[in-house]
Protein backbone atom coordinates (compact mmCIF):
# COMPACT_ATOMS: atom_id res chain seq x y z
CA MET A 1 193.31 1.60 101.72
CA SER A 2 196.42 2.61 99.61
CA ASP A 3 197.70 6.28 99.63
CA GLU A 4 196.63 6.95 96.13
CA ALA A 5 193.07 6.71 97.04
CA LEU A 6 193.41 8.96 100.12
CA LYS A 7 194.59 11.64 97.40
CA PRO A 8 191.43 13.86 96.82
CA ALA A 9 189.86 14.20 93.09
CA VAL A 10 191.74 16.59 90.95
CA ARG A 11 189.93 17.94 87.80
CA LYS A 12 191.79 18.33 84.83
CA PRO A 13 191.93 21.43 83.29
CA ARG A 14 189.73 21.22 79.46
CA ARG A 15 192.42 21.11 76.73
CA PRO A 16 192.65 23.60 74.18
CA ARG A 17 191.66 21.39 71.33
CA ASP A 18 188.56 20.74 73.20
CA GLY A 19 187.49 24.83 72.15
CA GLY A 20 188.78 23.84 68.41
CA ARG A 21 186.07 21.63 68.49
CA LEU A 22 183.28 23.27 69.61
CA ALA A 23 184.53 26.20 67.34
CA ALA A 24 184.41 24.00 64.33
CA VAL A 25 180.61 22.32 65.31
CA THR A 26 179.51 25.85 66.01
CA LEU A 27 180.74 27.49 62.33
CA ALA A 28 180.04 24.56 60.67
CA LEU A 29 176.05 24.61 62.38
CA GLY A 30 175.70 28.36 61.59
CA THR A 31 177.37 28.01 58.16
CA LEU A 32 174.36 25.43 57.60
CA ALA A 33 171.63 27.56 58.90
CA THR A 34 173.00 29.96 56.90
CA VAL A 35 172.47 28.64 53.66
CA LEU A 36 169.16 26.45 54.17
CA GLY A 37 167.85 30.12 55.07
CA LYS A 38 169.19 31.25 52.01
CA MET A 39 167.34 28.68 49.54
CA ALA A 40 164.69 29.59 47.57
CA GLU A 41 162.99 26.36 47.14
CA ILE A 42 163.29 26.08 51.39
CA LYS A 43 161.77 29.41 51.86
CA LYS A 44 159.01 28.76 49.55
CA ALA A 45 157.97 25.42 51.26
CA LEU A 46 158.19 26.79 54.25
CA PHE A 47 155.77 29.38 52.97
CA GLU A 48 153.24 26.61 51.80
CA LEU A 49 153.81 25.12 55.04
CA LEU A 50 153.60 27.34 57.54
CA GLY A 51 152.10 30.56 55.40
CA PRO A 52 152.94 34.15 55.93
CA ASP A 53 152.97 35.01 59.58
CA ARG A 54 154.79 31.32 60.67
CA LEU A 55 157.13 32.05 58.18
CA GLN A 56 158.11 35.92 59.23
CA SER A 57 158.27 34.13 62.76
CA LEU A 58 160.53 31.10 61.85
CA HIS A 59 162.89 33.66 59.57
CA LEU A 60 163.41 35.77 63.45
CA GLY A 61 163.78 32.69 65.24
CA MET A 62 166.81 31.42 62.73
CA SER A 63 168.61 35.05 62.95
CA VAL A 64 168.58 34.74 66.54
CA LEU A 65 169.94 30.78 66.58
CA VAL A 66 172.67 32.05 63.53
CA VAL A 67 173.94 35.00 65.44
CA GLY A 68 174.42 32.81 68.75
CA LEU A 69 176.00 29.80 66.48
CA PHE A 70 178.01 32.57 65.12
CA VAL A 71 178.94 34.28 68.83
CA VAL A 72 179.51 31.02 70.61
CA GLY A 73 181.62 29.32 67.53
CA TYR A 74 184.19 32.37 67.69
CA SER A 75 184.59 33.16 71.15
CA ALA A 76 185.75 29.27 70.97
CA LEU A 77 187.63 29.68 68.45
CA GLY A 78 189.54 32.92 70.01
CA TRP A 79 189.86 30.74 73.53
CA TRP A 80 190.91 27.85 71.42
CA LEU A 81 193.82 30.38 70.23
CA TRP A 82 194.51 31.98 73.22
CA ARG A 83 195.19 28.71 75.30
CA ARG A 84 197.04 27.85 72.18
CA PHE A 85 199.18 30.23 70.83
CA VAL A 86 198.59 33.12 73.45
CA SER A 87 198.54 32.23 77.04
CA ALA A 88 202.14 30.89 77.30
CA ARG A 89 203.93 33.90 75.65
CA PRO A 90 205.25 36.80 78.19
CA GLY A 91 203.27 39.51 79.40
CA ARG A 92 203.74 42.03 76.85
CA TRP A 93 203.16 40.03 74.35
CA ARG A 94 200.03 38.09 75.71
CA LEU A 95 198.52 41.61 76.29
CA GLY A 96 199.08 42.42 72.60
CA GLY A 97 197.42 39.12 71.48
CA ALA A 98 194.66 39.04 74.00
CA THR A 99 193.65 42.39 72.33
CA ALA A 100 194.18 41.44 68.65
CA LEU A 101 192.13 38.54 69.22
CA VAL A 102 189.02 39.99 70.60
CA LEU A 103 189.57 43.42 68.12
CA GLY A 104 189.77 40.67 65.36
CA GLY A 105 187.10 38.52 66.80
CA LEU A 106 184.59 41.32 67.03
CA VAL A 107 184.99 42.06 63.72
CA THR A 108 185.74 38.80 62.18
CA THR A 109 181.61 38.02 64.15
CA GLY A 110 180.52 41.38 62.94
CA CYS A 111 181.34 40.86 59.08
CA SER A 112 180.23 36.79 59.02
CA LEU A 113 176.96 38.13 61.08
CA TYR A 114 176.51 40.38 58.33
CA VAL A 115 176.63 38.24 55.11
CA ALA A 116 175.44 34.98 57.18
CA LEU A 117 172.06 36.24 57.90
CA PRO A 118 169.13 35.20 55.88
CA PRO A 119 167.34 37.70 54.26
CA GLN A 120 163.86 38.91 55.26
CA PRO A 121 161.42 36.53 53.63
CA ASP A 122 159.99 38.54 50.38
CA ILE A 123 156.32 37.02 50.98
CA ASP A 124 155.08 39.65 47.71
CA ALA A 125 158.03 37.85 45.89
CA LEU A 126 157.04 34.14 47.12
CA LEU A 127 153.65 34.57 46.12
CA ASN A 128 153.90 36.40 42.66
CA ASP A 129 156.56 33.06 41.46
CA GLU A 130 153.21 31.44 43.03
CA LEU A 131 150.99 33.30 41.03
CA ASP A 132 153.29 33.79 37.37
CA ALA A 133 153.05 29.17 37.51
CA TRP A 134 149.91 29.41 38.17
CA SER A 135 148.93 31.59 34.99
CA HIS A 136 151.59 29.80 33.01
CA GLU A 137 150.29 26.81 33.94
CA LEU A 138 146.28 27.63 32.79
CA ILE A 139 147.67 29.37 29.56
CA GLY A 140 148.48 25.88 28.57
CA LEU A 141 145.33 24.20 29.22
CA ARG A 142 144.26 25.11 25.72
CA LYS A 143 143.47 22.11 23.64
CA ALA A 144 144.35 23.13 19.93
CA GLU A 145 143.09 26.42 18.95
CA GLY A 146 139.74 25.83 21.36
CA THR A 147 139.45 26.82 25.16
CA LEU A 148 140.92 25.59 27.99
CA ARG A 149 139.73 21.99 29.06
CA SER A 150 138.10 22.27 32.66
CA ASP A 151 140.28 19.64 34.42
CA ARG A 152 144.05 20.48 34.75
CA ARG A 153 145.40 16.98 34.97
CA ASP A 154 143.40 15.31 32.18
CA PRO A 155 143.95 16.07 28.81
CA GLY A 156 140.84 14.29 27.62
CA ALA A 157 138.26 16.98 30.24
CA PRO A 158 135.62 18.65 28.14
CA ASP A 159 136.04 22.54 26.40
CA GLN A 160 134.62 25.23 28.93
CA VAL A 161 134.23 28.74 28.50
CA TRP A 162 133.64 29.37 31.92
CA GLY A 163 136.72 28.75 33.40
CA THR A 164 138.21 30.18 30.26
CA ALA A 165 136.49 33.71 31.08
CA GLN A 166 137.58 33.42 34.74
CA THR A 167 141.21 33.10 33.70
CA LEU A 168 141.00 35.67 31.46
CA ASN A 169 139.74 37.97 34.04
CA ALA A 170 142.40 36.77 36.16
CA LEU A 171 144.77 37.46 34.04
CA LEU A 172 143.60 40.97 31.87
CA LEU A 173 144.43 42.35 35.66
CA PRO A 174 146.32 45.90 36.00
CA PRO A 175 149.23 46.32 35.31
CA ALA A 176 149.23 45.28 31.70
CA THR A 177 152.08 42.72 32.05
CA PRO A 178 150.26 39.17 30.85
CA ALA A 179 151.97 36.11 31.91
CA GLY A 180 151.76 35.03 28.49
CA ASN A 181 152.05 36.83 25.68
CA PRO A 182 149.18 39.12 24.30
CA ARG A 183 148.61 36.69 21.13
CA GLU A 184 147.61 34.04 23.63
CA LEU A 185 144.92 35.96 25.17
CA ARG A 186 143.63 37.52 22.16
CA THR A 187 143.64 33.61 20.85
CA LEU A 188 141.41 32.45 24.10
CA LEU A 189 139.01 35.54 23.54
CA ASP A 190 138.55 34.56 19.86
CA ALA A 191 137.95 30.41 21.11
CA ILE A 192 135.57 31.77 23.70
CA GLU A 193 133.20 33.96 20.33
CA ALA A 194 134.14 31.32 18.27
CA ALA A 195 131.99 28.40 20.71
CA ARG A 196 129.25 30.84 21.47
CA LEU A 197 125.76 29.11 20.76
CA PRO A 198 124.36 30.11 17.40
CA VAL A 199 121.32 32.03 19.08
CA ASP A 200 122.70 35.54 20.18
CA SER A 201 120.24 35.23 23.04
CA GLU A 202 121.57 31.87 24.53
CA GLY A 203 125.86 32.59 24.38
CA TRP A 204 127.75 30.06 25.83
CA GLY A 205 126.20 26.56 28.15
CA TYR A 206 128.42 25.40 31.12
CA TYR A 207 130.70 23.66 29.06
CA ASN A 208 130.78 23.57 25.16
CA GLU A 209 129.05 20.63 24.36
CA PHE A 210 125.61 21.95 25.79
CA ASP A 211 123.01 23.88 23.55
CA TRP A 212 121.53 25.92 25.96
CA GLY A 213 123.21 29.22 27.67
CA VAL A 214 124.03 30.18 31.20
CA THR A 215 123.38 33.73 32.31
CA GLU A 216 126.81 33.29 34.57
CA VAL A 217 129.01 32.40 31.96
CA ALA A 218 128.31 34.74 29.98
CA GLY A 219 128.86 37.37 32.74
CA TRP A 220 132.14 36.29 33.00
CA VAL A 221 132.86 36.81 29.95
CA LEU A 222 131.09 40.24 29.34
CA LEU A 223 133.84 41.14 32.65
CA ALA A 224 136.52 39.58 30.28
CA GLU A 225 135.80 41.31 27.21
CA VAL A 226 135.19 45.05 29.13
CA ARG A 227 138.57 43.93 30.74
CA SER A 228 140.75 43.52 27.44
CA LEU A 229 138.86 46.53 25.85
CA ARG A 230 140.61 49.06 28.78
CA PRO A 231 143.24 51.48 27.14
CA ASP A 232 146.51 49.49 28.41
CA TRP A 233 145.10 46.06 27.37
CA ALA A 234 143.29 47.04 24.30
CA ALA A 235 146.21 48.29 22.23
CA LEU A 236 148.06 45.01 23.04
CA LEU A 237 145.25 42.34 22.25
CA TRP A 238 142.81 44.38 19.82
CA LYS A 239 145.13 46.98 17.84
CA THR A 240 143.02 47.58 14.92
CA ASP A 241 140.38 45.07 15.88
CA ARG A 242 139.31 47.06 18.82
CA ASP A 243 135.61 48.05 16.83
CA ILE A 244 135.33 44.13 16.86
CA GLY A 245 136.05 44.05 20.55
CA LEU A 246 133.03 46.78 20.90
CA GLN A 247 130.70 44.72 18.91
CA ARG A 248 131.26 41.28 20.59
CA LEU A 249 130.48 43.49 23.83
CA HIS A 250 127.45 44.55 23.02
CA ARG A 251 125.88 41.83 21.72
CA ASP A 252 126.82 40.21 24.66
CA LEU A 253 125.35 43.08 27.40
CA GLU A 254 122.34 42.65 25.86
CA LEU A 255 122.23 39.01 26.73
CA VAL A 256 123.19 39.78 30.25
CA LEU A 257 120.47 42.32 30.10
CA GLN A 258 117.57 39.92 28.39
CA ARG A 259 118.07 37.91 31.51
CA GLN A 260 117.11 40.23 34.67
CA LEU A 261 113.90 39.68 36.03
CA HIS A 262 111.03 42.34 36.67
CA SER A 263 112.21 41.93 40.66
CA GLY A 264 115.81 42.94 39.95
CA ALA A 265 116.94 39.72 40.41
CA PHE A 266 118.57 37.49 37.06
CA ALA A 267 117.77 34.10 36.05
CA PRO A 268 120.21 31.52 35.15
CA VAL A 269 119.03 30.71 31.28
CA SER A 270 117.07 32.91 29.06
CA GLN A 271 113.00 32.97 28.85
CA ALA A 272 112.99 32.66 32.22
CA GLN A 273 110.13 33.42 34.95
CA GLU A 274 110.36 34.96 38.77
CA THR A 275 110.98 31.68 40.60
CA HIS A 276 114.15 31.10 38.52
CA ALA A 277 115.41 33.88 40.33
CA ARG A 278 119.36 33.13 41.53
CA THR A 279 121.85 35.00 43.39
CA TYR A 280 124.75 33.74 41.90
CA SER A 281 122.99 34.32 38.45
CA SER A 282 122.30 37.93 39.38
CA LEU A 283 126.02 38.55 41.73
CA VAL A 284 127.56 38.07 38.02
CA ALA A 285 125.53 39.84 36.17
CA VAL A 286 125.50 42.95 38.44
CA TRP A 287 129.30 42.86 38.52
CA ALA A 288 130.03 42.65 34.53
CA LEU A 289 127.29 45.65 34.22
CA VAL A 290 129.42 47.95 37.17
CA GLU A 291 132.45 47.00 35.65
CA LEU A 292 131.40 48.38 32.08
CA ARG A 293 129.72 51.44 33.21
CA ARG A 294 132.93 51.54 35.39
CA ALA A 295 135.16 51.85 32.41
CA ASP A 296 132.42 53.69 30.28
CA LEU A 297 132.04 51.33 27.74
CA CYS A 298 128.15 51.23 27.37
CA ALA A 299 127.78 53.21 24.56
CA GLN A 300 124.29 54.83 24.04
CA ARG A 301 123.03 52.56 27.15
CA CYS A 302 124.52 53.80 29.71
CA GLY A 303 121.47 54.92 31.35
CA GLU A 304 119.20 51.53 31.13
CA VAL A 305 122.79 50.36 32.50
CA ASP A 306 122.70 52.17 34.91
CA SER A 307 118.98 51.44 35.77
CA ALA A 308 119.83 47.06 35.35
CA ILE A 309 122.56 48.00 37.99
CA ARG A 310 120.02 49.81 40.92
CA ALA A 311 117.04 47.13 39.99
CA GLY A 312 119.85 44.23 40.88
CA VAL A 313 121.49 46.14 44.00
CA THR A 314 118.30 46.39 45.46
CA TRP A 315 117.31 42.55 44.70
CA LEU A 316 120.76 41.36 46.15
CA LEU A 317 119.95 43.71 49.19
CA SER A 318 116.24 42.54 50.01
CA SER A 319 117.20 38.50 49.36
CA TYR A 320 119.71 38.60 52.44
CA GLU A 321 118.93 35.80 54.84
CA ASP A 322 118.78 37.54 58.25
CA GLY A 323 118.13 34.62 59.92
CA LEU A 324 121.09 33.20 58.43
CA GLY A 325 123.27 35.78 58.27
CA SER A 326 124.23 35.22 54.87
CA TRP A 327 123.28 35.22 51.20
CA VAL A 328 122.16 31.83 49.53
CA PRO A 329 122.43 30.72 46.68
CA ARG A 330 117.63 30.47 46.14
CA PRO A 331 116.42 33.22 48.10
CA GLY A 332 113.23 32.77 49.91
CA ARG A 333 113.21 28.91 49.65
CA SER A 334 112.07 27.34 52.63
CA GLY A 335 114.12 24.89 54.50
CA ASN A 336 117.56 27.38 54.05
CA LEU A 337 119.59 26.60 56.83
CA ASP A 338 123.48 26.65 56.13
CA SER A 339 124.80 29.89 55.42
CA PHE A 340 127.26 30.58 52.13
CA PRO A 341 130.45 32.87 52.88
CA GLY A 342 131.63 32.44 49.60
CA LEU A 343 128.02 33.79 48.21
CA SER A 344 128.47 36.46 51.02
CA GLY A 345 131.92 37.83 50.16
CA GLN A 346 130.96 38.01 46.32
CA ALA A 347 128.18 39.73 47.28
CA ILE A 348 130.04 42.27 49.44
CA TYR A 349 133.07 42.43 46.68
CA VAL A 350 130.26 43.36 44.11
CA LEU A 351 128.11 45.83 46.02
CA GLU A 352 131.44 48.32 47.10
CA ARG A 353 132.18 47.82 43.27
CA ALA A 354 128.23 48.90 42.48
CA ARG A 355 129.41 51.52 45.36
CA PRO A 356 130.30 54.83 42.68
CA LEU A 357 126.96 53.96 41.02
CA ALA A 358 124.35 52.84 43.38
CA GLY A 359 126.11 53.76 46.99
CA ASP A 360 122.58 55.83 48.34
CA LEU A 361 121.58 52.10 48.26
CA LEU A 362 123.91 50.74 49.99
CA HIS A 363 122.27 51.59 54.16
CA ALA A 364 122.30 50.81 57.24
CA GLU A 365 121.43 47.19 56.80
CA TYR A 366 123.70 46.35 54.21
CA THR A 367 126.03 47.73 56.78
CA ASP A 368 124.67 45.10 59.09
CA TYR A 369 125.21 43.21 56.57
CA ARG A 370 128.90 43.66 55.68
CA ARG A 371 129.54 43.52 59.60
CA ASN A 372 127.87 39.68 60.25
CA PHE A 373 130.36 38.54 57.80
CA PHE A 374 133.72 39.97 58.78
CA LYS A 375 132.10 38.84 62.13
CA SER A 376 131.89 35.70 61.29
CA PHE A 377 136.05 35.25 61.23
CA ASP A 378 135.43 35.61 64.74
CA THR A 379 132.57 33.69 65.61
CA ALA A 380 131.03 30.64 63.66
CA PRO A 381 128.28 31.21 61.62
CA ASP A 382 126.34 28.09 62.55
CA PRO A 383 126.41 25.24 64.78
CA ILE A 384 128.16 23.35 62.12
CA HIS A 385 130.42 25.53 60.72
CA PRO A 386 133.53 27.03 62.46
CA ALA A 387 134.86 30.42 62.40
CA LEU A 388 136.18 31.80 59.42
CA ARG A 389 139.88 32.68 60.85
CA ASN A 390 139.51 28.29 61.20
CA ARG A 391 137.93 26.76 58.56
CA ASP A 392 139.28 24.50 56.22
CA ALA A 393 139.72 26.72 52.08
CA ARG A 394 138.89 23.35 51.18
CA ALA A 395 135.62 23.28 53.12
CA ASN A 396 133.35 25.09 50.28
CA ASP A 397 129.56 25.22 50.20
CA ARG A 398 127.77 23.53 47.02
CA THR A 399 124.09 24.62 45.93
CA PRO A 400 121.40 22.44 47.53
CA ASP A 401 119.80 19.66 45.11
CA GLY A 402 116.84 21.04 46.05
CA ASP A 403 117.90 24.53 44.14
CA LEU A 404 119.08 23.07 40.71
CA ASN A 405 115.23 22.17 39.33
CA LEU A 406 113.81 25.38 37.01
CA PRO A 407 110.42 24.92 37.05
CA GLY A 408 108.55 24.86 33.65
CA LYS A 409 112.06 24.10 32.22
CA ARG A 410 113.69 21.06 30.83
CA VAL A 411 116.74 21.85 31.82
CA MET A 412 118.43 21.81 35.50
CA LEU A 413 121.28 23.74 36.60
CA GLU A 414 124.64 22.96 38.09
CA GLY A 415 125.54 22.03 41.59
CA SER A 416 127.83 24.85 41.96
CA THR A 417 130.66 25.13 44.81
CA PHE A 418 131.16 28.41 45.98
CA LEU A 419 134.66 28.89 47.56
CA TRP A 420 134.85 30.94 50.44
CA PHE A 421 138.71 31.86 51.04
CA PRO A 422 139.12 33.86 47.48
CA TRP A 423 135.83 35.77 47.70
CA ALA A 424 136.66 36.82 51.25
CA LEU A 425 140.05 37.98 50.25
CA ALA A 426 138.05 39.77 47.39
CA ALA A 427 135.66 41.49 49.86
CA CYS A 428 139.13 42.31 51.91
CA SER A 429 140.69 44.14 48.37
CA ALA A 430 137.55 46.46 48.66
CA GLN A 431 137.70 47.57 52.59
CA SER A 432 140.23 50.86 50.98
CA ASP A 433 136.84 51.50 49.30
CA MET A 434 134.09 50.47 52.50
CA LYS A 435 132.65 53.58 53.91
CA ALA A 436 132.90 52.02 57.60
CA SER A 437 133.10 53.41 60.91
CA ALA A 438 135.61 52.94 62.94
CA ASP A 439 134.98 50.09 64.98
CA ASP A 440 134.04 48.52 61.38
CA ALA A 441 137.07 49.69 60.18
CA VAL A 442 138.90 47.78 63.05
CA LEU A 443 136.80 44.60 62.83
CA ILE A 444 137.10 44.35 59.10
CA ALA A 445 140.95 44.99 59.38
CA ARG A 446 141.21 42.10 61.90
CA ALA A 447 139.51 39.56 59.86
CA CYS A 448 141.50 40.57 56.51
CA SER A 449 144.81 40.35 58.37
CA GLN A 450 143.98 36.79 59.66
CA LEU A 451 142.89 35.98 56.38
CA GLY A 452 146.08 37.17 54.56
CA GLY A 453 148.03 35.77 57.67
CA ARG A 454 146.51 32.04 56.26
CA LEU A 455 147.03 32.67 51.64
CA ASN A 456 149.58 29.39 52.28
CA ASP A 457 146.11 27.52 53.00
CA LEU A 458 144.73 28.86 49.83
CA VAL A 459 147.88 28.03 47.98
CA ARG A 460 147.48 24.30 49.17
CA TYR A 461 144.32 23.56 48.34
CA VAL A 462 144.29 25.09 44.42
CA LYS A 463 147.62 22.93 43.94
CA SER A 464 145.68 19.68 45.46
CA GLU A 465 142.62 20.55 43.30
CA VAL A 466 142.14 19.39 39.21
CA PHE A 467 139.17 22.02 38.67
CA VAL A 468 140.31 25.31 36.56
CA TYR A 469 137.72 27.36 38.01
CA ILE A 470 139.57 27.03 41.54
CA MET A 471 142.53 28.61 40.32
CA ALA A 472 141.08 30.72 38.26
CA GLU A 473 139.14 32.04 40.95
CA SER A 474 141.88 32.17 43.46
CA LEU A 475 144.35 33.77 41.47
CA LEU A 476 142.04 36.21 40.54
CA ALA A 477 141.60 37.51 44.01
CA LEU A 478 144.78 37.25 44.51
CA ARG A 479 145.53 39.42 41.67
CA LEU A 480 142.48 41.70 43.23
CA ASN A 481 144.38 41.67 46.34
CA GLU A 482 147.87 42.18 45.29
CA VAL A 483 146.43 45.53 42.79
CA ALA A 484 144.93 46.60 46.29
CA ARG A 485 148.00 47.23 47.71
CA THR A 486 149.70 48.68 44.63
CA PRO A 487 150.04 52.34 45.26
CA PRO A 488 148.93 53.96 41.97
CA ARG A 489 151.23 54.83 39.36
CA PRO A 490 151.16 58.85 38.89
CA ALA A 491 149.44 60.21 36.25
């Protein structure tokens, strides 16, 4: 064996240029992470993909990564500069150079991190941008001088007052900052009027070509009229025509009141009987009356409106299905097997809005109903559906076929779909007004927090669907939630 082979292996020192390469790579990666973290489109895409809570966690992780990359990068750069230019200098120069490198490195690293750290994602701003886009899209669906079409992607889809009124209700929430100009919103109100059936007691159908009117459509229109006549909107929309708006409102108030049955429920059609009582018709009608009364627009009929509200609230409370822990489309029908969180969420929202007018009716049993709804976020309401915290925003319940027939009538109801996510969110928007025990308040807050962490699920669902009512109801619920979180302006 040769003498060379017997020599022990000697580790070669790392060459200075290795530190330069490390510095270049890590600083480049840190800069890339910074650029990506500040791109609005990437944040928007991540919001839809991950949701608010996970986006915040990702931001924290990205911040740690950027800090780590820049610290490693500048440390490697400092080491490379030391080995390349300072280490071979005489003692005094070496000490001064080392001091300069350390101080310069600290200052440079600190300044770089100050500039480079991605800003905290503004969830409200991301969501508001999305809602503005929805608002403009909905307004743009108006056909000629008519109402909005019912399908967002099909230009040939039929016009529909129902979706138009729902859209107006979302756009006319405070503050008075419309996505479109006031003239566009007034045009929609006038288009609804032009589409009204010639018989005053009918109002509007599911679609404009229907020749019979539906109570819930009239209720949504009445709601939009009420919102348009509030002081902040009336001056923008009606100007000197406010009396015209009031005349329409009082005429449509009469229509809704005529649809109330002796039991306190509301029927979806005119000339109805008690077997025609439906929960959704009752909810929308009571809601419209409550908002009209709270806006003090009932003129000489306030006593009549108050009585109708209390009778409607009483019926809604009596129609709750204890065995299912839910409101259902047609109470009392044998064979109701499924819960309807969409209806239940809307019922809780409407009943909480009615509290100033009928709060004494919201007794302990109602508190149990409300608690059951918010418990369903953690506990599956039935063997088929998961708990709401895990339920897909697309998993909505539809009116059973057996509930579409109206005995003694030649018309059939539409198989309405009840959106659970938007109306659960609407119920959460009323939580500050709820009279709840400490335990219930914690339960409600936890459920609403779980829902708020999944807003991206709702956004994805809305953007994937074509029907206007899905976007309009979701926009309304998100706007209600936004208004509830906005501190009131000083008087």
